[in-house]
Amino acid sequence: MKNVDLITLVLIIVGALNWGLVGAFQFNLVTAIFGVGAISNIVFILVGVAGVYQLVRLFSAPRQLSYAAAAR
């Protein structure tokens, strides 16, 4: 697994856990750790960018698999 894939996976997991905590307990872990401000905004932006990156990879993966299946 590439380093970028691992980093984006960790960020997505952090984002998912944070949303779960917000939904279940109205507790925002990111703002609890970093406070309200620029750093927490950067974390939220990085989580969003990681999600977009993995979404692009998700939709590009079937094309790669279909080429392999067509070659058989």
PDB file of N, CA and C in Angstrom:
ATOM      1  N   MET A   1       0.849  -1.173   0.000  1.00  0.00           N
ATOM      2  CA  MET A   1       0.000   0.000   0.000  1.00  0.00           C
ATOM      3  C   MET A   1       0.898   1.240   0.000  1.00  0.00           C
ATOM      4  N   LYS A   2       0.573   2.197  -0.844  1.00  0.00           N
ATOM      5  CA  LYS A   2       1.358   3.424  -0.903  1.00  0.00           C
ATOM      6  C   LYS A   2       1.188   4.224   0.378  1.00  0.00           C
ATOM      7  N   ASN A   3       2.166   5.053   0.669  1.00  0.00           N
ATOM      8  CA  ASN A   3       2.093   5.903   1.856  1.00  0.00           C
ATOM      9  C   ASN A   3       0.886   6.834   1.794  1.00  0.00           C
ATOM     10  N   VAL A   4       0.607   7.376   0.598  1.00  0.00           N
ATOM     11  CA  VAL A   4      -0.543   8.274   0.447  1.00  0.00           C
ATOM     12  C   VAL A   4      -1.837   7.532   0.759  1.00  0.00           C
ATOM     13  N   ASP A   5      -1.945   6.290   0.301  1.00  0.00           N
ATOM     14  CA  ASP A   5      -3.146   5.504   0.576  1.00  0.00           C
ATOM     15  C   ASP A   5      -3.310   5.262   2.076  1.00  0.00           C
ATOM     16  N   LEU A   6      -2.225   4.972   2.752  1.00  0.00           N
ATOM     17  CA  LEU A   6      -2.284   4.729   4.191  1.00  0.00           C
ATOM     18  C   LEU A   6      -2.669   5.999   4.957  1.00  0.00           C
ATOM     19  N   ILE A   7      -2.075   7.115   4.582  1.00  0.00           N
ATOM     20  CA  ILE A   7      -2.387   8.381   5.241  1.00  0.00           C
ATOM     21  C   ILE A   7      -3.849   8.757   5.021  1.00  0.00           C
ATOM     22  N   THR A   8      -4.329   8.619   3.777  1.00  0.00           N
ATOM     23  CA  THR A   8      -5.720   8.974   3.505  1.00  0.00           C
ATOM     24  C   THR A   8      -6.676   8.018   4.215  1.00  0.00           C
ATOM     25  N   LEU A   9      -6.309   6.762   4.314  1.00  0.00           N
ATOM     26  CA  LEU A   9      -7.146   5.803   5.036  1.00  0.00           C
ATOM     27  C   LEU A   9      -7.259   6.183   6.517  1.00  0.00           C
ATOM     28  N   VAL A  10      -6.153   6.550   7.130  1.00  0.00           N
ATOM     29  CA  VAL A  10      -6.168   6.969   8.532  1.00  0.00           C
ATOM     30  C   VAL A  10      -7.026   8.217   8.702  1.00  0.00           C
ATOM     31  N   LEU A  11      -6.889   9.176   7.795  1.00  0.00           N
ATOM     32  CA  LEU A  11      -7.682  10.400   7.887  1.00  0.00           C
ATOM     33  C   LEU A  11      -9.177  10.109   7.734  1.00  0.00           C
ATOM     34  N   ILE A  12      -9.526   9.203   6.841  1.00  0.00           N
ATOM     35  CA  ILE A  12     -10.931   8.845   6.656  1.00  0.00           C
ATOM     36  C   ILE A  12     -11.478   8.151   7.903  1.00  0.00           C
ATOM     37  N   ILE A  13     -10.682   7.304   8.516  1.00  0.00           N
ATOM     38  CA  ILE A  13     -11.111   6.632   9.750  1.00  0.00           C
ATOM     39  C   ILE A  13     -11.300   7.660  10.864  1.00  0.00           C
ATOM     40  N   VAL A  14     -10.380   8.610  10.979  1.00  0.00           N
ATOM     41  CA  VAL A  14     -10.521   9.668  11.979  1.00  0.00           C
ATOM     42  C   VAL A  14     -11.811  10.449  11.737  1.00  0.00           C
ATOM     43  N   GLY A  15     -12.065  10.792  10.475  1.00  0.00           N
ATOM     44  CA  GLY A  15     -13.285  11.522  10.141  1.00  0.00           C
ATOM     45  C   GLY A  15     -14.542  10.730  10.451  1.00  0.00           C
ATOM     46  N   ALA A  16     -14.523   9.453  10.144  1.00  0.00           N
ATOM     47  CA  ALA A  16     -15.691   8.608  10.408  1.00  0.00           C
ATOM     48  C   ALA A  16     -15.935   8.472  11.917  1.00  0.00           C
ATOM     49  N   LEU A  17     -14.875   8.263  12.676  1.00  0.00           N
ATOM     50  CA  LEU A  17     -15.030   8.171  14.132  1.00  0.00           C
ATOM     51  C   LEU A  17     -15.533   9.491  14.711  1.00  0.00           C
ATOM     52  N   ASN A  18     -15.025  10.601  14.184  1.00  0.00           N
ATOM     53  CA  ASN A  18     -15.470  11.905  14.663  1.00  0.00           C
ATOM     54  C   ASN A  18     -16.953  12.107  14.373  1.00  0.00           C
ATOM     55  N   TRP A  19     -17.391  11.760  13.160  1.00  0.00           N
ATOM     56  CA  TRP A  19     -18.823  11.900  12.829  1.00  0.00           C
ATOM     57  C   TRP A  19     -19.678  10.981  13.689  1.00  0.00           C
ATOM     58  N   GLY A  20     -19.179   9.794  13.983  1.00  0.00           N
ATOM     59  CA  GLY A  20     -19.908   8.881  14.862  1.00  0.00           C
ATOM     60  C   GLY A  20     -20.069   9.460  16.260  1.00  0.00           C
ATOM     61  N   LEU A  21     -19.004  10.061  16.781  1.00  0.00           N
ATOM     62  CA  LEU A  21     -19.070  10.690  18.098  1.00  0.00           C
ATOM     63  C   LEU A  21     -20.007  11.900  18.097  1.00  0.00           C
ATOM     64  N   VAL A  22     -19.959  12.676  17.010  1.00  0.00           N
ATOM     65  CA  VAL A  22     -20.855  13.836  16.911  1.00  0.00           C
ATOM     66  C   VAL A  22     -22.303  13.369  16.870  1.00  0.00           C
ATOM     67  N   GLY A  23     -22.578  12.355  16.081  1.00  0.00           N
ATOM     68  CA  GLY A  23     -23.948  11.867  15.955  1.00  0.00           C
ATOM     69  C   GLY A  23     -24.474  11.216  17.215  1.00  0.00           C
ATOM     70  N   ALA A  24     -23.636  10.458  17.893  1.00  0.00           N
ATOM     71  CA  ALA A  24     -24.094   9.712  19.062  1.00  0.00           C
ATOM     72  C   ALA A  24     -24.090  10.542  20.346  1.00  0.00           C
ATOM     73  N   PHE A  25     -23.067  11.386  20.496  1.00  0.00           N
ATOM     74  CA  PHE A  25     -22.881  12.061  21.778  1.00  0.00           C
ATOM     75  C   PHE A  25     -22.731  13.582  21.678  1.00  0.00           C
ATOM     76  N   GLN A  26     -22.873  14.141  20.480  1.00  0.00           N
ATOM     77  CA  GLN A  26     -22.636  15.573  20.255  1.00  0.00           C
ATOM     78  C   GLN A  26     -21.256  15.989  20.780  1.00  0.00           C
ATOM     79  N   PHE A  27     -20.270  15.116  20.551  1.00  0.00           N
ATOM     80  CA  PHE A  27     -18.899  15.370  20.985  1.00  0.00           C
ATOM     81  C   PHE A  27     -17.993  15.380  19.763  1.00  0.00           C
ATOM     82  N   ASN A  28     -17.348  16.513  19.514  1.00  0.00           N
ATOM     83  CA  ASN A  28     -16.455  16.642  18.374  1.00  0.00           C
ATOM     84  C   ASN A  28     -15.028  16.442  18.862  1.00  0.00           C
ATOM     85  N   LEU A  29     -14.451  15.288  18.544  1.00  0.00           N
ATOM     86  CA  LEU A  29     -13.119  14.930  19.018  1.00  0.00           C
ATOM     87  C   LEU A  29     -12.048  15.857  18.455  1.00  0.00           C
ATOM     88  N   VAL A  30     -12.190  16.241  17.198  1.00  0.00           N
ATOM     89  CA  VAL A  30     -11.180  17.101  16.576  1.00  0.00           C
ATOM     90  C   VAL A  30     -11.104  18.448  17.281  1.00  0.00           C
ATOM     91  N   THR A  31     -12.245  19.058  17.540  1.00  0.00           N
ATOM     92  CA  THR A  31     -12.215  20.347  18.238  1.00  0.00           C
ATOM     93  C   THR A  31     -11.848  20.183  19.708  1.00  0.00           C
ATOM     94  N   ALA A  32     -12.124  19.015  20.285  1.00  0.00           N
ATOM     95  CA  ALA A  32     -11.703  18.774  21.666  1.00  0.00           C
ATOM     96  C   ALA A  32     -10.182  18.696  21.758  1.00  0.00           C
ATOM     97  N   ILE A  33      -9.551  18.127  20.745  1.00  0.00           N
ATOM     98  CA  ILE A  33      -8.092  17.995  20.753  1.00  0.00           C
ATOM     99  C   ILE A  33      -7.415  19.295  20.334  1.00  0.00           C
ATOM    100  N   PHE A  34      -7.887  19.891  19.218  1.00  0.00           N
ATOM    101  CA  PHE A  34      -7.195  21.038  18.632  1.00  0.00           C
ATOM    102  C   PHE A  34      -7.856  22.380  18.935  1.00  0.00           C
ATOM    103  N   GLY A  35      -9.050  22.369  19.519  1.00  0.00           N
ATOM    104  CA  GLY A  35      -9.753  23.607  19.780  1.00  0.00           C
ATOM    105  C   GLY A  35     -10.408  24.127  18.504  1.00  0.00           C
ATOM    106  N   VAL A  36     -11.143  25.212  18.658  1.00  0.00           N
ATOM    107  CA  VAL A  36     -11.790  25.833  17.502  1.00  0.00           C
ATOM    108  C   VAL A  36     -10.790  26.802  16.898  1.00  0.00           C
ATOM    109  N   GLY A  37     -10.485  26.598  15.635  1.00  0.00           N
ATOM    110  CA  GLY A  37      -9.530  27.497  14.996  1.00  0.00           C
ATOM    111  C   GLY A  37      -8.932  26.888  13.754  1.00  0.00           C
ATOM    112  N   ALA A  38      -7.812  27.426  13.379  1.00  0.00           N
ATOM    113  CA  ALA A  38      -7.182  27.079  12.114  1.00  0.00           C
ATOM    114  C   ALA A  38      -6.739  25.614  12.064  1.00  0.00           C
ATOM    115  N   ILE A  39      -6.200  25.110  13.144  1.00  0.00           N
ATOM    116  CA  ILE A  39      -5.684  23.737  13.117  1.00  0.00           C
ATOM    117  C   ILE A  39      -6.817  22.733  12.925  1.00  0.00           C
ATOM    118  N   SER A  40      -7.909  22.910  13.639  1.00  0.00           N
ATOM    119  CA  SER A  40      -9.036  21.988  13.452  1.00  0.00           C
ATOM    120  C   SER A  40      -9.621  22.127  12.050  1.00  0.00           C
ATOM    121  N   ASN A  41      -9.642  23.342  11.504  1.00  0.00           N
ATOM    122  CA  ASN A  41     -10.107  23.519  10.123  1.00  0.00           C
ATOM    123  C   ASN A  41      -9.206  22.792   9.138  1.00  0.00           C
ATOM    124  N   ILE A  42      -7.911  22.831   9.378  1.00  0.00           N
ATOM    125  CA  ILE A  42      -6.965  22.118   8.509  1.00  0.00           C
ATOM    126  C   ILE A  42      -7.207  20.619   8.583  1.00  0.00           C
ATOM    127  N   VAL A  43      -7.462  20.098   9.782  1.00  0.00           N
ATOM    128  CA  VAL A  43      -7.752  18.664   9.934  1.00  0.00           C
ATOM    129  C   VAL A  43      -9.008  18.301   9.146  1.00  0.00           C
ATOM    130  N   PHE A  44     -10.058  19.125   9.261  1.00  0.00           N
ATOM    131  CA  PHE A  44     -11.292  18.855   8.518  1.00  0.00           C
ATOM    132  C   PHE A  44     -11.054  18.903   7.014  1.00  0.00           C
ATOM    133  N   ILE A  45     -10.246  19.844   6.554  1.00  0.00           N
ATOM    134  CA  ILE A  45      -9.930  19.946   5.121  1.00  0.00           C
ATOM    135  C   ILE A  45      -9.150  18.719   4.670  1.00  0.00           C
ATOM    136  N   LEU A  46      -8.181  18.280   5.472  1.00  0.00           N
ATOM    137  CA  LEU A  46      -7.397  17.092   5.114  1.00  0.00           C
ATOM    138  C   LEU A  46      -8.270  15.844   5.050  1.00  0.00           C
ATOM    139  N   VAL A  47      -9.225  15.727   5.961  1.00  0.00           N
ATOM    140  CA  VAL A  47     -10.149  14.590   5.930  1.00  0.00           C
ATOM    141  C   VAL A  47     -10.981  14.638   4.650  1.00  0.00           C
ATOM    142  N   GLY A  48     -11.445  15.817   4.283  1.00  0.00           N
ATOM    143  CA  GLY A  48     -12.215  15.962   3.045  1.00  0.00           C
ATOM    144  C   GLY A  48     -11.402  15.639   1.815  1.00  0.00           C
ATOM    145  N   VAL A  49     -10.178  16.112   1.753  1.00  0.00           N
ATOM    146  CA  VAL A  49      -9.296  15.821   0.614  1.00  0.00           C
ATOM    147  C   VAL A  49      -9.001  14.325   0.554  1.00  0.00           C
ATOM    148  N   ALA A  50      -8.805  13.695   1.696  1.00  0.00           N
ATOM    149  CA  ALA A  50      -8.565  12.250   1.734  1.00  0.00           C
ATOM    150  C   ALA A  50      -9.776  11.491   1.201  1.00  0.00           C
ATOM    151  N   GLY A  51     -10.966  11.948   1.559  1.00  0.00           N
ATOM    152  CA  GLY A  51     -12.181  11.306   1.046  1.00  0.00           C
ATOM    153  C   GLY A  51     -12.306  11.427  -0.450  1.00  0.00           C
ATOM    154  N   VAL A  52     -12.011  12.603  -0.990  1.00  0.00           N
ATOM    155  CA  VAL A  52     -12.065  12.801  -2.448  1.00  0.00           C
ATOM    156  C   VAL A  52     -11.024  11.934  -3.137  1.00  0.00           C
ATOM    157  N   TYR A  53      -9.837  11.873  -2.574  1.00  0.00           N
ATOM    158  CA  TYR A  53      -8.765  11.045  -3.153  1.00  0.00           C
ATOM    159  C   TYR A  53      -9.194   9.577  -3.225  1.00  0.00           C
ATOM    160  N   GLN A  54      -9.732   9.061  -2.128  1.00  0.00           N
ATOM    161  CA  GLN A  54     -10.146   7.659  -2.110  1.00  0.00           C
ATOM    162  C   GLN A  54     -11.367   7.417  -2.996  1.00  0.00           C
ATOM    163  N   LEU A  55     -12.240   8.409  -3.122  1.00  0.00           N
ATOM    164  CA  LEU A  55     -13.388   8.289  -4.009  1.00  0.00           C
ATOM    165  C   LEU A  55     -12.937   8.178  -5.464  1.00  0.00           C
ATOM    166  N   VAL A  56     -11.969   8.985  -5.845  1.00  0.00           N
ATOM    167  CA  VAL A  56     -11.414   8.905  -7.203  1.00  0.00           C
ATOM    168  C   VAL A  56     -10.775   7.546  -7.432  1.00  0.00           C
ATOM    169  N   ARG A  57     -10.022   7.060  -6.452  1.00  0.00           N
ATOM    170  CA  ARG A  57      -9.401   5.732  -6.582  1.00  0.00           C
ATOM    171  C   ARG A  57     -10.449   4.637  -6.686  1.00  0.00           C
ATOM    172  N   LEU A  58     -11.536   4.777  -5.946  1.00  0.00           N
ATOM    173  CA  LEU A  58     -12.600   3.784  -5.978  1.00  0.00           C
ATOM    174  C   LEU A  58     -13.210   3.671  -7.366  1.00  0.00           C
ATOM    175  N   PHE A  59     -13.467   4.811  -7.987  1.00  0.00           N
ATOM    176  CA  PHE A  59     -14.096   4.777  -9.303  1.00  0.00           C
ATOM    177  C   PHE A  59     -13.114   4.509 -10.431  1.00  0.00           C
ATOM    178  N   SER A  60     -11.825   4.655 -10.188  1.00  0.00           N
ATOM    179  CA  SER A  60     -10.845   4.312 -11.219  1.00  0.00           C
ATOM    180  C   SER A  60     -10.457   2.837 -11.139  1.00  0.00           C
ATOM    181  N   ALA A  61     -10.649   2.190  -9.988  1.00  0.00           N
ATOM    182  CA  ALA A  61     -10.285   0.782  -9.812  1.00  0.00           C
ATOM    183  C   ALA A  61     -11.092  -0.161 -10.707  1.00  0.00           C
ATOM    184  N   PRO A  62     -12.419   0.009 -10.867  1.00  0.00           N
ATOM    185  CA  PRO A  62     -13.149  -0.927 -11.726  1.00  0.00           C
ATOM    186  C   PRO A  62     -12.654  -0.921 -13.179  1.00  0.00           C
ATOM    187  N   ARG A  63     -12.216   0.234 -13.670  1.00  0.00           N
ATOM    188  CA  ARG A  63     -11.680   0.277 -15.032  1.00  0.00           C
ATOM    189  C   ARG A  63     -10.432  -0.577 -15.145  1.00  0.00           C
ATOM    190  N   GLN A  64      -9.576  -0.534 -14.132  1.00  0.00           N
ATOM    191  CA  GLN A  64      -8.371  -1.341 -14.155  1.00  0.00           C
ATOM    192  C   GLN A  64      -8.728  -2.821 -14.104  1.00  0.00           C
ATOM    193  N   LEU A  65      -9.719  -3.180 -13.303  1.00  0.00           N
ATOM    194  CA  LEU A  65     -10.124  -4.575 -13.209  1.00  0.00           C
ATOM    195  C   LEU A  65     -10.791  -5.040 -14.482  1.00  0.00           C
ATOM    196  N   SER A  66     -11.584  -4.184 -15.126  1.00  0.00           N
ATOM    197  CA  SER A  66     -12.268  -4.595 -16.339  1.00  0.00           C
ATOM    198  C   SER A  66     -11.266  -4.823 -17.470  1.00  0.00           C
ATOM    199  N   TYR A  67     -10.177  -4.047 -17.501  1.00  0.00           N
ATOM    200  CA  TYR A  67      -9.159  -4.271 -18.520  1.00  0.00           C
ATOM    201  C   TYR A  67      -8.484  -5.622 -18.309  1.00  0.00           C
ATOM    202  N   ALA A  68      -8.247  -5.978 -17.060  1.00  0.00           N
ATOM    203  CA  ALA A  68      -7.612  -7.263 -16.767  1.00  0.00           C
ATOM    204  C   ALA A  68      -8.551  -8.417 -17.148  1.00  0.00           C
ATOM    205  N   ALA A  69      -9.830  -8.253 -16.891  1.00  0.00           N
ATOM    206  CA  ALA A  69     -10.784  -9.305 -17.226  1.00  0.00           C
ATOM    207  C   ALA A  69     -10.939  -9.429 -18.738  1.00  0.00           C
ATOM    208  N   ALA A  70     -10.888  -8.326 -19.464  1.00  0.00           N
ATOM    209  CA  ALA A  70     -11.031  -8.359 -20.920  1.00  0.00           C
ATOM    210  C   ALA A  70      -9.819  -8.987 -21.576  1.00  0.00           C
ATOM    211  N   ALA A  71      -8.671  -8.904 -20.939  1.00  0.00           N
ATOM    212  CA  ALA A  71      -7.439  -9.460 -21.504  1.00  0.00           C
ATOM    213  C   ALA A  71      -7.409 -10.980 -21.423  1.00  0.00           C
ATOM    214  N   ARG A  72      -8.248 -11.563 -20.595  1.00  0.00           N
ATOM    215  CA  ARG A  72      -8.233 -13.021 -20.425  1.00  0.00           C
ATOM    216  C   ARG A  72      -8.874 -13.724 -21.565  1.00  0.00           C
TER     217      ARG A  72
END
